[in-house]
Amino acid sequence: MTIEGKLALPVENVRFTRNIADALIQLMRLSNFYALDLQQAWTDLLEEGYASLNNETIVAIMKATIRQNQERRALD
């Protein structure tokens, strides 16, 4: 949020990459604790995503969302 200017902290105090890595480690620990198969979950997620790309309604919604986000950024 600091990098995007939404949080008032000096950018040099942000350890963005480190924080993401920490979150990833915590997710891996949780998945191990609950015996979750993250690799299979990732594969399933990708397959669902590819399947939804064949759905014209979903593709239209995604395009509209991207367009709205681009318009908002242009106004900022």
C-alpha atoms as a PDB file:
ATOM      1  CA  MET A   1       0.000   0.000   0.000  1.00  0.00           C
ATOM      2  CA  THR A   2       2.917   2.331   0.661  1.00  0.00           C
ATOM      3  CA  ILE A   3       4.389   1.685  -2.766  1.00  0.00           C
ATOM      4  CA  GLU A   4       1.029   2.568  -4.335  1.00  0.00           C
ATOM      5  CA  GLY A   5       0.781   5.726  -2.214  1.00  0.00           C
ATOM      6  CA  LYS A   6      -2.166   4.527  -0.116  1.00  0.00           C
ATOM      7  CA  LEU A   7      -0.299   4.313   3.195  1.00  0.00           C
ATOM      8  CA  ALA A   8       1.794   7.108   4.642  1.00  0.00           C
ATOM      9  CA  LEU A   9       5.129   5.415   5.289  1.00  0.00           C
ATOM     10  CA  PRO A  10       8.476   6.112   3.657  1.00  0.00           C
ATOM     11  CA  VAL A  11       8.944   3.659   0.802  1.00  0.00           C
ATOM     12  CA  GLU A  12      12.411   2.747   2.070  1.00  0.00           C
ATOM     13  CA  ASN A  13      10.781   1.322   5.222  1.00  0.00           C
ATOM     14  CA  VAL A  14       8.715  -1.106   3.187  1.00  0.00           C
ATOM     15  CA  ARG A  15       9.957  -4.644   2.931  1.00  0.00           C
ATOM     16  CA  PHE A  16       7.448  -5.663   0.289  1.00  0.00           C
ATOM     17  CA  THR A  17       9.260  -8.712  -1.065  1.00  0.00           C
ATOM     18  CA  ARG A  18      10.112  -9.928   2.435  1.00  0.00           C
ATOM     19  CA  ASN A  19       6.489  -9.572   3.556  1.00  0.00           C
ATOM     20  CA  ILE A  20       5.220 -11.556   0.577  1.00  0.00           C
ATOM     21  CA  ALA A  21       7.808 -14.270   1.234  1.00  0.00           C
ATOM     22  CA  ASP A  22       6.738 -14.379   4.891  1.00  0.00           C
ATOM     23  CA  ALA A  23       3.081 -14.749   3.884  1.00  0.00           C
ATOM     24  CA  LEU A  24       4.025 -17.558   1.505  1.00  0.00           C
ATOM     25  CA  ILE A  25       5.890 -19.393   4.259  1.00  0.00           C
ATOM     26  CA  GLN A  26       2.900 -19.057   6.592  1.00  0.00           C
ATOM     27  CA  LEU A  27       0.570 -20.434   3.905  1.00  0.00           C
ATOM     28  CA  MET A  28       2.890 -23.378   3.371  1.00  0.00           C
ATOM     29  CA  ARG A  29       2.996 -24.048   7.115  1.00  0.00           C
ATOM     30  CA  LEU A  30      -0.803 -23.979   7.280  1.00  0.00           C
ATOM     31  CA  SER A  31      -1.105 -26.311   4.314  1.00  0.00           C
ATOM     32  CA  ASN A  32       1.336 -28.748   5.916  1.00  0.00           C
ATOM     33  CA  PHE A  33      -0.465 -28.579   9.261  1.00  0.00           C
ATOM     34  CA  TYR A  34      -3.829 -29.374   7.652  1.00  0.00           C
ATOM     35  CA  ALA A  35      -2.317 -31.808   5.109  1.00  0.00           C
ATOM     36  CA  LEU A  36      -3.514 -29.741   2.149  1.00  0.00           C
ATOM     37  CA  ASP A  37      -2.148 -30.402  -1.322  1.00  0.00           C
ATOM     38  CA  LEU A  38      -1.254 -26.925  -2.605  1.00  0.00           C
ATOM     39  CA  GLN A  39       0.088 -28.285  -5.871  1.00  0.00           C
ATOM     40  CA  GLN A  40      -3.234 -29.954  -6.630  1.00  0.00           C
ATOM     41  CA  ALA A  41      -5.151 -26.867  -5.523  1.00  0.00           C
ATOM     42  CA  TRP A  42      -3.026 -24.737  -7.877  1.00  0.00           C
ATOM     43  CA  THR A  43      -3.627 -27.169 -10.746  1.00  0.00           C
ATOM     44  CA  ASP A  44      -7.371 -27.154 -10.062  1.00  0.00           C
ATOM     45  CA  LEU A  45      -7.409 -23.353  -9.943  1.00  0.00           C
ATOM     46  CA  LEU A  46      -5.627 -23.109 -13.293  1.00  0.00           C
ATOM     47  CA  GLU A  47      -7.972 -25.632 -14.881  1.00  0.00           C
ATOM     48  CA  GLU A  48     -11.002 -23.699 -13.631  1.00  0.00           C
ATOM     49  CA  GLY A  49      -9.483 -20.499 -14.977  1.00  0.00           C
ATOM     50  CA  TYR A  50      -8.867 -22.016 -18.395  1.00  0.00           C
ATOM     51  CA  ALA A  51     -12.379 -23.439 -18.460  1.00  0.00           C
ATOM     52  CA  SER A  52     -13.872 -20.068 -17.601  1.00  0.00           C
ATOM     53  CA  LEU A  53     -11.982 -18.475 -20.498  1.00  0.00           C
ATOM     54  CA  ASN A  54     -14.190 -20.565 -22.771  1.00  0.00           C
ATOM     55  CA  ASN A  55     -17.256 -18.955 -21.195  1.00  0.00           C
ATOM     56  CA  GLU A  56     -18.058 -15.783 -23.168  1.00  0.00           C
ATOM     57  CA  THR A  57     -20.013 -14.204 -20.295  1.00  0.00           C
ATOM     58  CA  ILE A  58     -17.110 -14.532 -17.859  1.00  0.00           C
ATOM     59  CA  VAL A  59     -14.651 -13.216 -20.443  1.00  0.00           C
ATOM     60  CA  ALA A  60     -16.890 -10.186 -21.056  1.00  0.00           C
ATOM     61  CA  ILE A  61     -17.088  -9.482 -17.306  1.00  0.00           C
ATOM     62  CA  MET A  62     -13.304  -9.777 -16.978  1.00  0.00           C
ATOM     63  CA  LYS A  63     -12.753  -7.381 -19.884  1.00  0.00           C
ATOM     64  CA  ALA A  64     -15.191  -4.868 -18.388  1.00  0.00           C
ATOM     65  CA  THR A  65     -13.446  -5.062 -15.023  1.00  0.00           C
ATOM     66  CA  ILE A  66     -10.035  -4.516 -16.609  1.00  0.00           C
ATOM     67  CA  ARG A  67     -11.385  -1.544 -18.564  1.00  0.00           C
ATOM     68  CA  GLN A  68     -12.889  -0.012 -15.391  1.00  0.00           C
ATOM     69  CA  ASN A  69      -9.604  -0.445 -13.514  1.00  0.00           C
ATOM     70  CA  GLN A  70      -7.681   1.208 -16.343  1.00  0.00           C
ATOM     71  CA  GLU A  71     -10.126   4.127 -16.401  1.00  0.00           C
ATOM     72  CA  ARG A  72      -9.783   4.582 -12.612  1.00  0.00           C
ATOM     73  CA  ARG A  73      -5.994   4.596 -12.864  1.00  0.00           C
ATOM     74  CA  ALA A  74      -6.169   7.186 -15.633  1.00  0.00           C
ATOM     75  CA  LEU A  75      -8.213   9.466 -13.353  1.00  0.00           C
ATOM     76  CA  ASP A  76      -5.754   9.145 -10.438  1.00  0.00           C
END
